[in-house]
Amino acid sequence: MPQRFPSVYRQVFRRYPALGEALLTRWARYNETRERIFALEEEGKAHVFAPERMPVDNGTRDLRRLAAAHRMGLSQSRRELPAMCEFLGVKQA
């Protein structure tokens, strides 16, 4: 999502204009990259492992919530391991 106040970024980073522009366009680059990755998966050229549900954000500091999110990811990885092994052409131990 575009930043609400781009002029603030440009002002704060006026000595580093490339950094300001990179921050302002980060969302677009993220979305483009995400689309490319999922297109590669559809073509059979990649296996994407992404969380089914993300109960925390990058500012979460609650250890119980973080531990619960970790357990969810571990459980999902165990369920998806056969598909990952098949994609890679390796036998599951």
C-alpha atoms as a PDB file:
ATOM      1  CA  MET A   1       0.000   0.000   0.000  1.00  0.00           C
ATOM      2  CA  PRO A   2       1.447   3.401  -0.906  1.00  0.00           C
ATOM      3  CA  GLN A   3       2.637   5.590   1.943  1.00  0.00           C
ATOM      4  CA  ARG A   4       0.136   8.211   3.053  1.00  0.00           C
ATOM      5  CA  PHE A   5       2.645  11.046   3.358  1.00  0.00           C
ATOM      6  CA  PRO A   6       5.381  10.608   0.743  1.00  0.00           C
ATOM      7  CA  SER A   7       6.611  14.168   1.217  1.00  0.00           C
ATOM      8  CA  VAL A   8       7.521  13.329   4.816  1.00  0.00           C
ATOM      9  CA  TYR A   9       9.756  10.473   3.641  1.00  0.00           C
ATOM     10  CA  ARG A  10      11.367  12.673   1.031  1.00  0.00           C
ATOM     11  CA  GLN A  11      11.986  15.384   3.623  1.00  0.00           C
ATOM     12  CA  VAL A  12      13.328  13.042   6.321  1.00  0.00           C
ATOM     13  CA  PHE A  13      15.640  11.318   3.830  1.00  0.00           C
ATOM     14  CA  ARG A  14      16.495  14.386   1.741  1.00  0.00           C
ATOM     15  CA  ARG A  15      20.210  13.646   2.141  1.00  0.00           C
ATOM     16  CA  TYR A  16      19.557  10.068   0.951  1.00  0.00           C
ATOM     17  CA  PRO A  17      16.934  10.389  -1.797  1.00  0.00           C
ATOM     18  CA  ALA A  18      17.435   6.824  -3.055  1.00  0.00           C
ATOM     19  CA  LEU A  19      16.609   5.503   0.424  1.00  0.00           C
ATOM     20  CA  GLY A  20      13.464   7.639   0.591  1.00  0.00           C
ATOM     21  CA  GLU A  21      12.305   6.407  -2.809  1.00  0.00           C
ATOM     22  CA  ALA A  22      13.130   2.794  -1.898  1.00  0.00           C
ATOM     23  CA  LEU A  23      10.960   3.086   1.213  1.00  0.00           C
ATOM     24  CA  LEU A  24       8.127   4.679  -0.763  1.00  0.00           C
ATOM     25  CA  THR A  25       8.110   1.950  -3.409  1.00  0.00           C
ATOM     26  CA  ARG A  26       8.801  -1.027  -1.146  1.00  0.00           C
ATOM     27  CA  TRP A  27       5.165  -2.158  -1.248  1.00  0.00           C
ATOM     28  CA  ALA A  28       5.145  -2.274  -5.061  1.00  0.00           C
ATOM     29  CA  ARG A  29       8.383  -4.257  -5.255  1.00  0.00           C
ATOM     30  CA  TYR A  30       7.098  -6.662  -2.604  1.00  0.00           C
ATOM     31  CA  ASN A  31       3.864  -7.279  -4.536  1.00  0.00           C
ATOM     32  CA  GLU A  32       5.712  -7.751  -7.845  1.00  0.00           C
ATOM     33  CA  THR A  33       8.109 -10.238  -6.281  1.00  0.00           C
ATOM     34  CA  ARG A  34       5.269 -12.125  -4.618  1.00  0.00           C
ATOM     35  CA  GLU A  35       3.417 -12.396  -7.930  1.00  0.00           C
ATOM     36  CA  ARG A  36       6.573 -13.676  -9.669  1.00  0.00           C
ATOM     37  CA  ILE A  37       7.147 -16.295  -6.984  1.00  0.00           C
ATOM     38  CA  PHE A  38       3.591 -17.621  -7.134  1.00  0.00           C
ATOM     39  CA  ALA A  39       3.750 -17.623 -10.956  1.00  0.00           C
ATOM     40  CA  LEU A  40       6.871 -19.806 -10.714  1.00  0.00           C
ATOM     41  CA  GLU A  41       4.962 -22.147  -8.430  1.00  0.00           C
ATOM     42  CA  GLU A  42       2.107 -22.392 -10.937  1.00  0.00           C
ATOM     43  CA  GLU A  43       4.658 -23.234 -13.655  1.00  0.00           C
ATOM     44  CA  GLY A  44       6.075 -26.013 -11.462  1.00  0.00           C
ATOM     45  CA  LYS A  45       9.426 -24.234 -11.121  1.00  0.00           C
ATOM     46  CA  ALA A  46       9.139 -23.464  -7.402  1.00  0.00           C
ATOM     47  CA  HIS A  47       7.573 -24.826  -4.251  1.00  0.00           C
ATOM     48  CA  VAL A  48       6.279 -22.054  -2.038  1.00  0.00           C
ATOM     49  CA  PHE A  49       6.066 -22.573   1.691  1.00  0.00           C
ATOM     50  CA  ALA A  50       3.951 -19.769   3.130  1.00  0.00           C
ATOM     51  CA  PRO A  51       2.039 -19.620   6.400  1.00  0.00           C
ATOM     52  CA  GLU A  52      -1.582 -20.710   6.187  1.00  0.00           C
ATOM     53  CA  ARG A  53      -2.340 -18.194   8.923  1.00  0.00           C
ATOM     54  CA  MET A  54      -0.102 -15.550  10.494  1.00  0.00           C
ATOM     55  CA  PRO A  55      -1.301 -14.759  14.024  1.00  0.00           C
ATOM     56  CA  VAL A  56       1.538 -12.311  14.756  1.00  0.00           C
ATOM     57  CA  ASP A  57       3.012  -9.272  13.068  1.00  0.00           C
ATOM     58  CA  ASN A  58       6.558  -7.997  12.942  1.00  0.00           C
ATOM     59  CA  GLY A  59       6.071  -6.006  16.142  1.00  0.00           C
ATOM     60  CA  THR A  60       4.758  -8.859  18.295  1.00  0.00           C
ATOM     61  CA  ARG A  61       6.772  -9.268  21.477  1.00  0.00           C
ATOM     62  CA  ASP A  62       4.411 -11.534  23.419  1.00  0.00           C
ATOM     63  CA  LEU A  63       6.397 -14.741  23.842  1.00  0.00           C
ATOM     64  CA  ARG A  64       3.278 -16.904  24.195  1.00  0.00           C
ATOM     65  CA  ARG A  65       1.886 -15.633  20.902  1.00  0.00           C
ATOM     66  CA  LEU A  66       5.267 -16.040  19.214  1.00  0.00           C
ATOM     67  CA  ALA A  67       5.637 -19.580  20.557  1.00  0.00           C
ATOM     68  CA  ALA A  68       2.117 -20.446  19.367  1.00  0.00           C
ATOM     69  CA  ALA A  69       2.928 -19.084  15.898  1.00  0.00           C
ATOM     70  CA  HIS A  70       6.114 -21.162  15.878  1.00  0.00           C
ATOM     71  CA  ARG A  71       4.180 -24.314  16.776  1.00  0.00           C
ATOM     72  CA  MET A  72       1.676 -23.582  13.987  1.00  0.00           C
ATOM     73  CA  GLY A  73       4.535 -23.205  11.482  1.00  0.00           C
ATOM     74  CA  LEU A  74       6.188 -26.396  12.668  1.00  0.00           C
ATOM     75  CA  SER A  75       2.924 -28.304  12.344  1.00  0.00           C
ATOM     76  CA  GLN A  76       2.346 -26.925   8.861  1.00  0.00           C
ATOM     77  CA  SER A  77       5.884 -27.795   7.786  1.00  0.00           C
ATOM     78  CA  ARG A  78       5.386 -31.387   8.946  1.00  0.00           C
ATOM     79  CA  ARG A  79       2.144 -31.629   6.943  1.00  0.00           C
ATOM     80  CA  GLU A  80       3.762 -30.143   3.835  1.00  0.00           C
ATOM     81  CA  LEU A  81       7.052 -32.061   4.041  1.00  0.00           C
ATOM     82  CA  PRO A  82       5.911 -34.841   1.664  1.00  0.00           C
ATOM     83  CA  ALA A  83       5.028 -32.272  -1.018  1.00  0.00           C
ATOM     84  CA  MET A  84       8.372 -30.495  -0.529  1.00  0.00           C
ATOM     85  CA  CYS A  85      10.261 -33.777  -0.865  1.00  0.00           C
ATOM     86  CA  GLU A  86       8.293 -34.696  -3.970  1.00  0.00           C
ATOM     87  CA  PHE A  87       9.056 -31.330  -5.556  1.00  0.00           C
ATOM     88  CA  LEU A  88      12.759 -31.729  -4.796  1.00  0.00           C
ATOM     89  CA  GLY A  89      12.788 -35.342  -5.946  1.00  0.00           C
ATOM     90  CA  VAL A  90      14.106 -36.702  -2.658  1.00  0.00           C
ATOM     91  CA  LYS A  91      12.863 -39.529  -0.502  1.00  0.00           C
ATOM     92  CA  GLN A  92      11.485 -38.625   2.877  1.00  0.00           C
ATOM     93  CA  ALA A  93      13.455 -40.201   5.718  1.00  0.00           C
END
